[in-house]
Amino acid sequence: MGLDMYAYMTRETPARPVDFEIEDASPFYYWRKHPDLHGWMEELYREKGGEEQFNCVPVQLTASDLDRLEADIRSGDLPDTTGFFFGDSDGTETAGDLAFIAAARVALAEGYTIYYNSWW
C-alpha cells in the first residue's frame, strides 16, 4: 500500500486538462512515495479546474507546467505534503524528477501528450 505515481504518454489530445479518459496511453515514468511532487501535481490539478479527490484522476502536463515544475524543484519549492501511506520526500528524488522533465519535454516535442495520475 502507498502512493504510486505515474506519468503517461499518448497521441490522444484530452478534451480538457483534467478528469479525462484516454484509451491508448503508455506508462512513461513512475515514482513511489514522493508526496511533495504529488502535492505539486494536486495544486496544478486544482488550478486547471479539478474538483475531485486527487486520487486516480489525471492532469495534463504542458511545456509551461514542466518549466514551473523544474523551477520549483531546483528552488526547493515543492509543497510539503503528507498523507496516509504517502511516505516522505527526502530530496533524493531530484535527479529522477529532472530526468523525467527532460524526457517529457522530448515527448512533447514529438507530439505526445503527457499526463500525471496516481493511486493511493
PDB file of N, CA and C in Angstrom:
ATOM      1  N   MET A   1       0.835  -1.176   0.000  1.00  0.00           N
ATOM      2  CA  MET A   1       0.000   0.000   0.000  1.00  0.00           C
ATOM      3  C   MET A   1       0.880   1.239   0.000  1.00  0.00           C
ATOM      4  N   GLY A   2       0.373   2.258  -0.591  1.00  0.00           N
ATOM      5  CA  GLY A   2       1.105   3.505  -0.590  1.00  0.00           C
ATOM      6  C   GLY A   2       0.839   4.320  -1.836  1.00  0.00           C
ATOM      7  N   LEU A   3       1.552   5.378  -1.953  1.00  0.00           N
ATOM      8  CA  LEU A   3       1.386   6.329  -3.044  1.00  0.00           C
ATOM      9  C   LEU A   3       2.179   5.874  -4.270  1.00  0.00           C
ATOM     10  N   ASP A   4       1.475   5.475  -5.309  1.00  0.00           N
ATOM     11  CA  ASP A   4       2.081   5.136  -6.596  1.00  0.00           C
ATOM     12  C   ASP A   4       1.733   6.247  -7.575  1.00  0.00           C
ATOM     13  N   MET A   5       2.740   6.759  -8.262  1.00  0.00           N
ATOM     14  CA  MET A   5       2.597   7.935  -9.106  1.00  0.00           C
ATOM     15  C   MET A   5       3.128   7.626 -10.500  1.00  0.00           C
ATOM     16  N   TYR A   6       2.371   8.031 -11.506  1.00  0.00           N
ATOM     17  CA  TYR A   6       2.703   7.663 -12.877  1.00  0.00           C
ATOM     18  C   TYR A   6       2.611   8.867 -13.810  1.00  0.00           C
ATOM     19  N   ALA A   7       3.480   8.894 -14.796  1.00  0.00           N
ATOM     20  CA  ALA A   7       3.321   9.781 -15.947  1.00  0.00           C
ATOM     21  C   ALA A   7       3.079   8.874 -17.139  1.00  0.00           C
ATOM     22  N   TYR A   8       2.177   9.300 -17.993  1.00  0.00           N
ATOM     23  CA  TYR A   8       1.833   8.558 -19.197  1.00  0.00           C
ATOM     24  C   TYR A   8       2.044   9.436 -20.416  1.00  0.00           C
ATOM     25  N   MET A   9       2.232   8.784 -21.559  1.00  0.00           N
ATOM     26  CA  MET A   9       2.304   9.495 -22.827  1.00  0.00           C
ATOM     27  C   MET A   9       1.275   8.883 -23.772  1.00  0.00           C
ATOM     28  N   THR A  10       0.696   9.740 -24.602  1.00  0.00           N
ATOM     29  CA  THR A  10      -0.323   9.300 -25.542  1.00  0.00           C
ATOM     30  C   THR A  10      -0.326  10.224 -26.755  1.00  0.00           C
ATOM     31  N   ARG A  11      -0.843   9.722 -27.841  1.00  0.00           N
ATOM     32  CA  ARG A  11      -1.040  10.561 -29.034  1.00  0.00           C
ATOM     33  C   ARG A  11      -2.401  11.250 -28.989  1.00  0.00           C
ATOM     34  N   GLU A  12      -3.251  10.836 -28.063  1.00  0.00           N
ATOM     35  CA  GLU A  12      -4.572  11.440 -27.935  1.00  0.00           C
ATOM     36  C   GLU A  12      -4.465  12.812 -27.278  1.00  0.00           C
ATOM     37  N   THR A  13      -5.382  13.688 -27.643  1.00  0.00           N
ATOM     38  CA  THR A  13      -5.472  15.001 -27.016  1.00  0.00           C
ATOM     39  C   THR A  13      -6.719  15.014 -26.147  1.00  0.00           C
ATOM     40  N   PRO A  14      -6.566  15.194 -24.840  1.00  0.00           N
ATOM     41  CA  PRO A  14      -7.746  15.183 -23.979  1.00  0.00           C
ATOM     42  C   PRO A  14      -8.660  16.375 -24.261  1.00  0.00           C
ATOM     43  N   ALA A  15      -9.938  16.177 -23.997  1.00  0.00           N
ATOM     44  CA  ALA A  15     -10.926  17.230 -24.218  1.00  0.00           C
ATOM     45  C   ALA A  15     -10.748  18.395 -23.249  1.00  0.00           C
ATOM     46  N   ARG A  16     -10.204  18.098 -22.079  1.00  0.00           N
ATOM     47  CA  ARG A  16      -9.925  19.123 -21.068  1.00  0.00           C
ATOM     48  C   ARG A  16      -8.658  18.721 -20.321  1.00  0.00           C
ATOM     49  N   PRO A  17      -8.035  19.609 -19.570  1.00  0.00           N
ATOM     50  CA  PRO A  17      -6.736  19.283 -18.968  1.00  0.00           C
ATOM     51  C   PRO A  17      -6.785  18.402 -17.715  1.00  0.00           C
ATOM     52  N   VAL A  18      -7.978  18.144 -17.183  1.00  0.00           N
ATOM     53  CA  VAL A  18      -8.125  17.282 -16.002  1.00  0.00           C
ATOM     54  C   VAL A  18      -9.327  16.370 -16.182  1.00  0.00           C
ATOM     55  N   ASP A  19      -9.343  15.294 -15.412  1.00  0.00           N
ATOM     56  CA  ASP A  19     -10.517  14.405 -15.347  1.00  0.00           C
ATOM     57  C   ASP A  19     -10.960  13.889 -16.713  1.00  0.00           C
ATOM     58  N   PHE A  20     -10.015  13.500 -17.529  1.00  0.00           N
ATOM     59  CA  PHE A  20     -10.319  12.992 -18.865  1.00  0.00           C
ATOM     60  C   PHE A  20     -10.080  11.492 -18.909  1.00  0.00           C
ATOM     61  N   GLU A  21     -10.552  10.873 -19.972  1.00  0.00           N
ATOM     62  CA  GLU A  21     -10.295   9.454 -20.200  1.00  0.00           C
ATOM     63  C   GLU A  21      -9.490   9.303 -21.481  1.00  0.00           C
ATOM     64  N   ILE A  22      -8.466   8.487 -21.414  1.00  0.00           N
ATOM     65  CA  ILE A  22      -7.607   8.200 -22.556  1.00  0.00           C
ATOM     66  C   ILE A  22      -7.682   6.704 -22.822  1.00  0.00           C
ATOM     67  N   GLU A  23      -7.851   6.343 -24.074  1.00  0.00           N
ATOM     68  CA  GLU A  23      -7.981   4.934 -24.428  1.00  0.00           C
ATOM     69  C   GLU A  23      -6.645   4.241 -24.636  1.00  0.00           C
ATOM     70  N   ASP A  24      -5.663   4.976 -25.147  1.00  0.00           N
ATOM     71  CA  ASP A  24      -4.394   4.351 -25.509  1.00  0.00           C
ATOM     72  C   ASP A  24      -3.233   5.193 -24.999  1.00  0.00           C
ATOM     73  N   ALA A  25      -2.699   4.802 -23.850  1.00  0.00           N
ATOM     74  CA  ALA A  25      -1.566   5.518 -23.268  1.00  0.00           C
ATOM     75  C   ALA A  25      -0.506   4.514 -22.839  1.00  0.00           C
ATOM     76  N   SER A  26       0.724   4.981 -22.826  1.00  0.00           N
ATOM     77  CA  SER A  26       1.843   4.143 -22.398  1.00  0.00           C
ATOM     78  C   SER A  26       2.449   4.716 -21.130  1.00  0.00           C
ATOM     79  N   PRO A  27       2.786   3.862 -20.171  1.00  0.00           N
ATOM     80  CA  PRO A  27       3.498   4.359 -18.988  1.00  0.00           C
ATOM     81  C   PRO A  27       4.801   5.022 -19.422  1.00  0.00           C
ATOM     82  N   PHE A  28       5.085   6.145 -18.827  1.00  0.00           N
ATOM     83  CA  PHE A  28       6.230   6.951 -19.228  1.00  0.00           C
ATOM     84  C   PHE A  28       7.241   7.090 -18.088  1.00  0.00           C
ATOM     85  N   TYR A  29       6.742   7.244 -16.863  1.00  0.00           N
ATOM     86  CA  TYR A  29       7.619   7.403 -15.703  1.00  0.00           C
ATOM     87  C   TYR A  29       6.852   6.964 -14.464  1.00  0.00           C
ATOM     88  N   TYR A  30       7.590   6.511 -13.459  1.00  0.00           N
ATOM     89  CA  TYR A  30       6.978   6.022 -12.229  1.00  0.00           C
ATOM     90  C   TYR A  30       7.738   6.556 -11.019  1.00  0.00           C
ATOM     91  N   TRP A  31       6.986   6.986 -10.021  1.00  0.00           N
ATOM     92  CA  TRP A  31       7.539   7.373  -8.733  1.00  0.00           C
ATOM     93  C   TRP A  31       6.817   6.569  -7.653  1.00  0.00           C
ATOM     94  N   ARG A  32       7.498   6.305  -6.577  1.00  0.00           N
ATOM     95  CA  ARG A  32       6.897   5.612  -5.439  1.00  0.00           C
ATOM     96  C   ARG A  32       7.092   6.475  -4.202  1.00  0.00           C
ATOM     97  N   LYS A  33       5.991   6.862  -3.590  1.00  0.00           N
ATOM     98  CA  LYS A  33       6.003   7.614  -2.325  1.00  0.00           C
ATOM     99  C   LYS A  33       6.880   8.866  -2.384  1.00  0.00           C
ATOM    100  N   HIS A  34       6.507   9.766  -3.266  1.00  0.00           N
ATOM    101  CA  HIS A  34       7.155  11.087  -3.384  1.00  0.00           C
ATOM    102  C   HIS A  34       6.053  12.125  -3.182  1.00  0.00           C
ATOM    103  N   PRO A  35       5.590  12.269  -1.917  1.00  0.00           N
ATOM    104  CA  PRO A  35       4.399  13.077  -1.672  1.00  0.00           C
ATOM    105  C   PRO A  35       4.533  14.549  -2.019  1.00  0.00           C
ATOM    106  N   ASP A  36       5.728  15.122  -1.921  1.00  0.00           N
ATOM    107  CA  ASP A  36       5.852  16.544  -2.247  1.00  0.00           C
ATOM    108  C   ASP A  36       5.581  16.795  -3.729  1.00  0.00           C
ATOM    109  N   LEU A  37       6.040  15.906  -4.587  1.00  0.00           N
ATOM    110  CA  LEU A  37       5.714  16.023  -6.013  1.00  0.00           C
ATOM    111  C   LEU A  37       4.220  15.826  -6.224  1.00  0.00           C
ATOM    112  N   HIS A  38       3.645  14.873  -5.518  1.00  0.00           N
ATOM    113  CA  HIS A  38       2.206  14.633  -5.609  1.00  0.00           C
ATOM    114  C   HIS A  38       1.422  15.884  -5.192  1.00  0.00           C
ATOM    115  N   GLY A  39       1.875  16.540  -4.133  1.00  0.00           N
ATOM    116  CA  GLY A  39       1.224  17.771  -3.697  1.00  0.00           C
ATOM    117  C   GLY A  39       1.300  18.859  -4.751  1.00  0.00           C
ATOM    118  N   TRP A  40       2.441  18.949  -5.429  1.00  0.00           N
ATOM    119  CA  TRP A  40       2.596  19.920  -6.511  1.00  0.00           C
ATOM    120  C   TRP A  40       1.610  19.610  -7.633  1.00  0.00           C
ATOM    121  N   MET A  41       1.502  18.331  -7.969  1.00  0.00           N
ATOM    122  CA  MET A  41       0.570  17.925  -9.029  1.00  0.00           C
ATOM    123  C   MET A  41      -0.875  18.201  -8.620  1.00  0.00           C
ATOM    124  N   GLU A  42      -1.190  18.015  -7.343  1.00  0.00           N
ATOM    125  CA  GLU A  42      -2.552  18.316  -6.890  1.00  0.00           C
ATOM    126  C   GLU A  42      -2.849  19.808  -7.025  1.00  0.00           C
ATOM    127  N   GLU A  43      -1.891  20.655  -6.667  1.00  0.00           N
ATOM    128  CA  GLU A  43      -2.089  22.096  -6.848  1.00  0.00           C
ATOM    129  C   GLU A  43      -2.342  22.432  -8.309  1.00  0.00           C
ATOM    130  N   LEU A  44      -1.571  21.810  -9.211  1.00  0.00           N
ATOM    131  CA  LEU A  44      -1.767  22.027 -10.642  1.00  0.00           C
ATOM    132  C   LEU A  44      -3.157  21.558 -11.070  1.00  0.00           C
ATOM    133  N   TYR A  45      -3.553  20.390 -10.589  1.00  0.00           N
ATOM    134  CA  TYR A  45      -4.883  19.842 -10.884  1.00  0.00           C
ATOM    135  C   TYR A  45      -5.977  20.841 -10.479  1.00  0.00           C
ATOM    136  N   ARG A  46      -5.873  21.407  -9.298  1.00  0.00           N
ATOM    137  CA  ARG A  46      -6.867  22.380  -8.818  1.00  0.00           C
ATOM    138  C   ARG A  46      -6.838  23.643  -9.682  1.00  0.00           C
ATOM    139  N   GLU A  47      -5.646  24.132 -10.035  1.00  0.00           N
ATOM    140  CA  GLU A  47      -5.534  25.316 -10.892  1.00  0.00           C
ATOM    141  C   GLU A  47      -6.218  25.113 -12.232  1.00  0.00           C
ATOM    142  N   LYS A  48      -6.157  23.882 -12.732  1.00  0.00           N
ATOM    143  CA  LYS A  48      -6.733  23.580 -14.049  1.00  0.00           C
ATOM    144  C   LYS A  48      -8.214  23.211 -13.970  1.00  0.00           C
ATOM    145  N   GLY A  49      -8.810  23.326 -12.789  1.00  0.00           N
ATOM    146  CA  GLY A  49     -10.241  23.120 -12.654  1.00  0.00           C
ATOM    147  C   GLY A  49     -10.655  21.806 -12.019  1.00  0.00           C
ATOM    148  N   GLY A  50      -9.712  21.001 -11.572  1.00  0.00           N
ATOM    149  CA  GLY A  50     -10.050  19.726 -10.947  1.00  0.00           C
ATOM    150  C   GLY A  50     -10.717  19.905  -9.600  1.00  0.00           C
ATOM    151  N   GLU A  51     -11.756  19.128  -9.359  1.00  0.00           N
ATOM    152  CA  GLU A  51     -12.518  19.236  -8.116  1.00  0.00           C
ATOM    153  C   GLU A  51     -12.652  17.917  -7.383  1.00  0.00           C
ATOM    154  N   GLU A  52     -12.213  16.826  -7.976  1.00  0.00           N
ATOM    155  CA  GLU A  52     -12.354  15.506  -7.361  1.00  0.00           C
ATOM    156  C   GLU A  52     -11.287  15.301  -6.285  1.00  0.00           C
ATOM    157  N   GLN A  53     -11.473  14.234  -5.470  1.00  0.00           N
ATOM    158  CA  GLN A  53     -10.395  13.828  -4.579  1.00  0.00           C
ATOM    159  C   GLN A  53      -9.214  13.481  -5.473  1.00  0.00           C
ATOM    160  N   PHE A  54      -8.037  13.944  -5.140  1.00  0.00           N
ATOM    161  CA  PHE A  54      -6.882  13.764  -6.027  1.00  0.00           C
ATOM    162  C   PHE A  54      -6.294  12.371  -5.871  1.00  0.00           C
ATOM    163  N   ASN A  55      -7.013  11.417  -6.418  1.00  0.00           N
ATOM    164  CA  ASN A  55      -6.619  10.014  -6.408  1.00  0.00           C
ATOM    165  C   ASN A  55      -7.243   9.377  -7.641  1.00  0.00           C
ATOM    166  N   CYS A  56      -6.421   8.824  -8.504  1.00  0.00           N
ATOM    167  CA  CYS A  56      -6.907   8.178  -9.733  1.00  0.00           C
ATOM    168  C   CYS A  56      -7.595   9.164 -10.668  1.00  0.00           C
ATOM    169  N   VAL A  57      -7.105  10.396 -10.695  1.00  0.00           N
ATOM    170  CA  VAL A  57      -7.614  11.400 -11.630  1.00  0.00           C
ATOM    171  C   VAL A  57      -6.429  12.011 -12.377  1.00  0.00           C
ATOM    172  N   PRO A  58      -6.519  12.145 -13.699  1.00  0.00           N
ATOM    173  CA  PRO A  58      -5.386  12.643 -14.484  1.00  0.00           C
ATOM    174  C   PRO A  58      -5.319  14.163 -14.553  1.00  0.00           C
ATOM    175  N   VAL A  59      -4.092  14.649 -14.749  1.00  0.00           N
ATOM    176  CA  VAL A  59      -3.856  16.059 -15.022  1.00  0.00           C
ATOM    177  C   VAL A  59      -2.810  16.138 -16.135  1.00  0.00           C
ATOM    178  N   GLN A  60      -3.139  16.871 -17.191  1.00  0.00           N
ATOM    179  CA  GLN A  60      -2.238  17.028 -18.326  1.00  0.00           C
ATOM    180  C   GLN A  60      -1.084  17.943 -17.956  1.00  0.00           C
ATOM    181  N   LEU A  61       0.101  17.620 -18.458  1.00  0.00           N
ATOM    182  CA  LEU A  61       1.296  18.431 -18.229  1.00  0.00           C
ATOM    183  C   LEU A  61       1.736  19.070 -19.542  1.00  0.00           C
ATOM    184  N   THR A  62       1.772  20.382 -19.569  1.00  0.00           N
ATOM    185  CA  THR A  62       2.210  21.128 -20.746  1.00  0.00           C
ATOM    186  C   THR A  62       3.668  21.537 -20.572  1.00  0.00           C
ATOM    187  N   ALA A  63       4.223  22.114 -21.618  1.00  0.00           N
ATOM    188  CA  ALA A  63       5.605  22.595 -21.543  1.00  0.00           C
ATOM    189  C   ALA A  63       5.758  23.655 -20.455  1.00  0.00           C
ATOM    190  N   SER A  64       4.796  24.549 -20.334  1.00  0.00           N
ATOM    191  CA  SER A  64       4.901  25.580 -19.294  1.00  0.00           C
ATOM    192  C   SER A  64       4.756  24.973 -17.901  1.00  0.00           C
ATOM    193  N   ASP A  65       3.938  23.925 -17.758  1.00  0.00           N
ATOM    194  CA  ASP A  65       3.850  23.227 -16.474  1.00  0.00           C
ATOM    195  C   ASP A  65       5.203  22.621 -16.110  1.00  0.00           C
ATOM    196  N   LEU A  66       5.856  22.015 -17.082  1.00  0.00           N
ATOM    197  CA  LEU A  66       7.172  21.410 -16.842  1.00  0.00           C
ATOM    198  C   LEU A  66       8.203  22.467 -16.466  1.00  0.00           C
ATOM    199  N   ASP A  67       8.126  23.638 -17.090  1.00  0.00           N
ATOM    200  CA  ASP A  67       9.038  24.733 -16.740  1.00  0.00           C
ATOM    201  C   ASP A  67       8.843  25.142 -15.283  1.00  0.00           C
ATOM    202  N   ARG A  68       7.587  25.295 -14.873  1.00  0.00           N
ATOM    203  CA  ARG A  68       7.289  25.650 -13.477  1.00  0.00           C
ATOM    204  C   ARG A  68       7.750  24.566 -12.523  1.00  0.00           C
ATOM    205  N   LEU A  69       7.479  23.311 -12.891  1.00  0.00           N
ATOM    206  CA  LEU A  69       7.890  22.199 -12.040  1.00  0.00           C
ATOM    207  C   LEU A  69       9.405  22.183 -11.873  1.00  0.00           C
ATOM    208  N   GLU A  70      10.133  22.353 -12.964  1.00  0.00           N
ATOM    209  CA  GLU A  70      11.592  22.362 -12.874  1.00  0.00           C
ATOM    210  C   GLU A  70      12.076  23.492 -11.968  1.00  0.00           C
ATOM    211  N   ALA A  71      11.512  24.679 -12.131  1.00  0.00           N
ATOM    212  CA  ALA A  71      11.917  25.811 -11.293  1.00  0.00           C
ATOM    213  C   ALA A  71      11.628  25.522  -9.822  1.00  0.00           C
ATOM    214  N   ASP A  72      10.475  24.939  -9.535  1.00  0.00           N
ATOM    215  CA  ASP A  72      10.123  24.645  -8.148  1.00  0.00           C
ATOM    216  C   ASP A  72      11.005  23.541  -7.561  1.00  0.00           C
ATOM    217  N   ILE A  73      11.351  22.558  -8.358  1.00  0.00           N
ATOM    218  CA  ILE A  73      12.257  21.509  -7.879  1.00  0.00           C
ATOM    219  C   ILE A  73      13.629  22.098  -7.577  1.00  0.00           C
ATOM    220  N   ARG A  74      14.156  22.879  -8.514  1.00  0.00           N
ATOM    221  CA  ARG A  74      15.501  23.441  -8.341  1.00  0.00           C
ATOM    222  C   ARG A  74      15.585  24.417  -7.160  1.00  0.00           C
ATOM    223  N   SER A  75      14.480  25.108  -6.881  1.00  0.00           N
ATOM    224  CA  SER A  75      14.491  26.070  -5.772  1.00  0.00           C
ATOM    225  C   SER A  75      13.998  25.453  -4.459  1.00  0.00           C
ATOM    226  N   GLY A  76      13.647  24.179  -4.490  1.00  0.00           N
ATOM    227  CA  GLY A  76      13.177  23.505  -3.281  1.00  0.00           C
ATOM    228  C   GLY A  76      11.784  23.926  -2.865  1.00  0.00           C
ATOM    229  N   ASP A  77      10.954  24.301  -3.846  1.00  0.00           N
ATOM    230  CA  ASP A  77       9.624  24.821  -3.546  1.00  0.00           C
ATOM    231  C   ASP A  77       8.476  23.842  -3.793  1.00  0.00           C
ATOM    232  N   LEU A  78       8.740  22.550  -3.766  1.00  0.00           N
ATOM    233  CA  LEU A  78       7.622  21.614  -3.806  1.00  0.00           C
ATOM    234  C   LEU A  78       6.918  21.693  -2.455  1.00  0.00           C
ATOM    235  N   PRO A  79       5.585  21.649  -2.434  1.00  0.00           N
ATOM    236  CA  PRO A  79       4.877  21.792  -1.157  1.00  0.00           C
ATOM    237  C   PRO A  79       5.091  20.581  -0.256  1.00  0.00           C
ATOM    238  N   ASP A  80       5.300  20.839   1.009  1.00  0.00           N
ATOM    239  CA  ASP A  80       5.434  19.763   1.989  1.00  0.00           C
ATOM    240  C   ASP A  80       4.079  19.067   2.084  1.00  0.00           C
ATOM    241  N   THR A  81       4.014  17.806   1.679  1.00  0.00           N
ATOM    242  CA  THR A  81       2.756  17.086   1.559  1.00  0.00           C
ATOM    243  C   THR A  81       2.804  15.807   2.386  1.00  0.00           C
ATOM    244  N   THR A  82       1.727  15.551   3.106  1.00  0.00           N
ATOM    245  CA  THR A  82       1.620  14.332   3.896  1.00  0.00           C
ATOM    246  C   THR A  82       0.318  13.628   3.563  1.00  0.00           C
ATOM    247  N   GLY A  83       0.266  12.372   3.870  1.00  0.00           N
ATOM    248  CA  GLY A  83      -0.940  11.588   3.669  1.00  0.00           C
ATOM    249  C   GLY A  83      -0.732  10.172   4.175  1.00  0.00           C
ATOM    250  N   PHE A  84      -1.800   9.502   4.439  1.00  0.00           N
ATOM    251  CA  PHE A  84      -1.747   8.136   4.932  1.00  0.00           C
ATOM    252  C   PHE A  84      -1.050   7.253   3.898  1.00  0.00           C
ATOM    253  N   PHE A  85       0.008   6.585   4.281  1.00  0.00           N
ATOM    254  CA  PHE A  85       0.803   5.715   3.408  1.00  0.00           C
ATOM    255  C   PHE A  85       1.562   6.469   2.315  1.00  0.00           C
ATOM    256  N   PHE A  86       1.699   7.797   2.415  1.00  0.00           N
ATOM    257  CA  PHE A  86       2.384   8.567   1.375  1.00  0.00           C
ATOM    258  C   PHE A  86       3.903   8.458   1.467  1.00  0.00           C
ATOM    259  N   GLY A  87       4.446   8.187   2.631  1.00  0.00           N
ATOM    260  CA  GLY A  87       5.887   8.201   2.791  1.00  0.00           C
ATOM    261  C   GLY A  87       6.388   9.631   2.883  1.00  0.00           C
ATOM    262  N   ASP A  88       7.689   9.814   2.655  1.00  0.00           N
ATOM    263  CA  ASP A  88       8.310  11.133   2.759  1.00  0.00           C
ATOM    264  C   ASP A  88       9.186  11.400   1.548  1.00  0.00           C
ATOM    265  N   SER A  89       9.126  12.627   1.050  1.00  0.00           N
ATOM    266  CA  SER A  89      10.101  13.075   0.059  1.00  0.00           C
ATOM    267  C   SER A  89      11.332  13.519   0.829  1.00  0.00           C
ATOM    268  N   ASP A  90      12.513  13.077   0.383  1.00  0.00           N
ATOM    269  CA  ASP A  90      13.712  13.394   1.147  1.00  0.00           C
ATOM    270  C   ASP A  90      14.804  14.082   0.333  1.00  0.00           C
ATOM    271  N   GLY A  91      14.493  14.470  -0.887  1.00  0.00           N
ATOM    272  CA  GLY A  91      15.478  15.158  -1.719  1.00  0.00           C
ATOM    273  C   GLY A  91      16.259  14.253  -2.644  1.00  0.00           C
ATOM    274  N   THR A  92      16.267  12.948  -2.365  1.00  0.00           N
ATOM    275  CA  THR A  92      16.987  12.028  -3.248  1.00  0.00           C
ATOM    276  C   THR A  92      16.269  11.859  -4.582  1.00  0.00           C
ATOM    277  N   GLU A  93      15.048  12.348  -4.673  1.00  0.00           N
ATOM    278  CA  GLU A  93      14.247  12.204  -5.895  1.00  0.00           C
ATOM    279  C   GLU A  93      14.584  13.238  -6.966  1.00  0.00           C
ATOM    280  N   THR A  94      15.370  14.244  -6.615  1.00  0.00           N
ATOM    281  CA  THR A  94      15.602  15.380  -7.515  1.00  0.00           C
ATOM    282  C   THR A  94      16.166  14.961  -8.870  1.00  0.00           C
ATOM    283  N   ALA A  95      17.171  14.123  -8.898  1.00  0.00           N
ATOM    284  CA  ALA A  95      17.766  13.716 -10.183  1.00  0.00           C
ATOM    285  C   ALA A  95      16.736  13.005 -11.052  1.00  0.00           C
ATOM    286  N   GLY A  96      15.943  12.137 -10.472  1.00  0.00           N
ATOM    287  CA  GLY A  96      14.903  11.437 -11.228  1.00  0.00           C
ATOM    288  C   GLY A  96      13.827  12.391 -11.716  1.00  0.00           C
ATOM    289  N   ASP A  97      13.441  13.345 -10.869  1.00  0.00           N
ATOM    290  CA  ASP A  97      12.442  14.335 -11.278  1.00  0.00           C
ATOM    291  C   ASP A  97      12.923  15.138 -12.482  1.00  0.00           C
ATOM    292  N   LEU A  98      14.166  15.561 -12.438  1.00  0.00           N
ATOM    293  CA  LEU A  98      14.721  16.350 -13.548  1.00  0.00           C
ATOM    294  C   LEU A  98      14.884  15.500 -14.802  1.00  0.00           C
ATOM    295  N   ALA A  99      15.213  14.221 -14.646  1.00  0.00           N
ATOM    296  CA  ALA A  99      15.288  13.322 -15.802  1.00  0.00           C
ATOM    297  C   ALA A  99      13.908  13.147 -16.423  1.00  0.00           C
ATOM    298  N   PHE A 100      12.878  13.022 -15.580  1.00  0.00           N
ATOM    299  CA  PHE A 100      11.512  12.940 -16.094  1.00  0.00           C
ATOM    300  C   PHE A 100      11.164  14.181 -16.901  1.00  0.00           C
ATOM    301  N   ILE A 101      11.465  15.354 -16.363  1.00  0.00           N
ATOM    302  CA  ILE A 101      11.140  16.604 -17.061  1.00  0.00           C
ATOM    303  C   ILE A 101      11.833  16.667 -18.412  1.00  0.00           C
ATOM    304  N   ALA A 102      13.095  16.304 -18.464  1.00  0.00           N
ATOM    305  CA  ALA A 102      13.831  16.324 -19.737  1.00  0.00           C
ATOM    306  C   ALA A 102      13.200  15.368 -20.740  1.00  0.00           C
ATOM    307  N   ALA A 103      12.872  14.168 -20.306  1.00  0.00           N
ATOM    308  CA  ALA A 103      12.256  13.183 -21.208  1.00  0.00           C
ATOM    309  C   ALA A 103      10.860  13.627 -21.625  1.00  0.00           C
ATOM    310  N   ALA A 104      10.116  14.235 -20.723  1.00  0.00           N
ATOM    311  CA  ALA A 104       8.770  14.705 -21.051  1.00  0.00           C
ATOM    312  C   ALA A 104       8.820  15.828 -22.084  1.00  0.00           C
ATOM    313  N   ARG A 105       9.813  16.688 -21.989  1.00  0.00           N
ATOM    314  CA  ARG A 105       9.957  17.759 -22.994  1.00  0.00           C
ATOM    315  C   ARG A 105      10.215  17.176 -24.383  1.00  0.00           C
ATOM    316  N   VAL A 106      11.032  16.147 -24.455  1.00  0.00           N
ATOM    317  CA  VAL A 106      11.294  15.491 -25.734  1.00  0.00           C
ATOM    318  C   VAL A 106      10.003  14.884 -26.282  1.00  0.00           C
ATOM    319  N   ALA A 107       9.256  14.195 -25.418  1.00  0.00           N
ATOM    320  CA  ALA A 107       7.997  13.567 -25.856  1.00  0.00           C
ATOM    321  C   ALA A 107       6.999  14.617 -26.337  1.00  0.00           C
ATOM    322  N   LEU A 108       6.893  15.732 -25.629  1.00  0.00           N
ATOM    323  CA  LEU A 108       6.001  16.806 -26.077  1.00  0.00           C
ATOM    324  C   LEU A 108       6.424  17.325 -27.449  1.00  0.00           C
ATOM    325  N   ALA A 109       7.718  17.506 -27.648  1.00  0.00           N
ATOM    326  CA  ALA A 109       8.229  17.990 -28.934  1.00  0.00           C
ATOM    327  C   ALA A 109       7.936  17.008 -30.064  1.00  0.00           C
ATOM    328  N   GLU A 110       7.812  15.734 -29.720  1.00  0.00           N
ATOM    329  CA  GLU A 110       7.483  14.702 -30.712  1.00  0.00           C
ATOM    330  C   GLU A 110       5.981  14.539 -30.913  1.00  0.00           C
ATOM    331  N   GLY A 111       5.181  15.391 -30.266  1.00  0.00           N
ATOM    332  CA  GLY A 111       3.738  15.387 -30.474  1.00  0.00           C
ATOM    333  C   GLY A 111       2.925  14.568 -29.491  1.00  0.00           C
ATOM    334  N   TYR A 112       3.550  14.080 -28.452  1.00  0.00           N
ATOM    335  CA  TYR A 112       2.816  13.320 -27.441  1.00  0.00           C
ATOM    336  C   TYR A 112       2.157  14.260 -26.427  1.00  0.00           C
ATOM    337  N   THR A 113       1.107  13.773 -25.820  1.00  0.00           N
ATOM    338  CA  THR A 113       0.511  14.394 -24.648  1.00  0.00           C
ATOM    339  C   THR A 113       1.063  13.654 -23.440  1.00  0.00           C
ATOM    340  N   ILE A 114       1.450  14.390 -22.423  1.00  0.00           N
ATOM    341  CA  ILE A 114       1.953  13.815 -21.179  1.00  0.00           C
ATOM    342  C   ILE A 114       0.951  14.149 -20.065  1.00  0.00           C
ATOM    343  N   TYR A 115       0.663  13.149 -19.234  1.00  0.00           N
ATOM    344  CA  TYR A 115      -0.178  13.424 -18.090  1.00  0.00           C
ATOM    345  C   TYR A 115       0.244  12.627 -16.878  1.00  0.00           C
ATOM    346  N   TYR A 116      -0.166  13.127 -15.726  1.00  0.00           N
ATOM    347  CA  TYR A 116       0.147  12.521 -14.432  1.00  0.00           C
ATOM    348  C   TYR A 116      -1.117  11.892 -13.866  1.00  0.00           C
ATOM    349  N   ASN A 117      -0.922  10.768 -13.187  1.00  0.00           N
ATOM    350  CA  ASN A 117      -2.008  10.123 -12.465  1.00  0.00           C
ATOM    351  C   ASN A 117      -1.400   9.416 -11.271  1.00  0.00           C
ATOM    352  N   SER A 118      -2.202   9.121 -10.295  1.00  0.00           N
ATOM    353  CA  SER A 118      -1.695   8.472  -9.082  1.00  0.00           C
ATOM    354  C   SER A 118      -2.757   7.553  -8.497  1.00  0.00           C
ATOM    355  N   TRP A 119      -2.284   6.723  -7.582  1.00  0.00           N
ATOM    356  CA  TRP A 119      -3.173   5.818  -6.885  1.00  0.00           C
ATOM    357  C   TRP A 119      -2.622   5.621  -5.494  1.00  0.00           C
ATOM    358  N   TRP A 120      -3.469   5.849  -4.496  1.00  0.00           N
ATOM    359  CA  TRP A 120      -3.048   5.620  -3.120  1.00  0.00           C
ATOM    360  C   TRP A 120      -4.117   4.942  -2.307  1.00  0.00           C
TER     361      TRP A 120
END
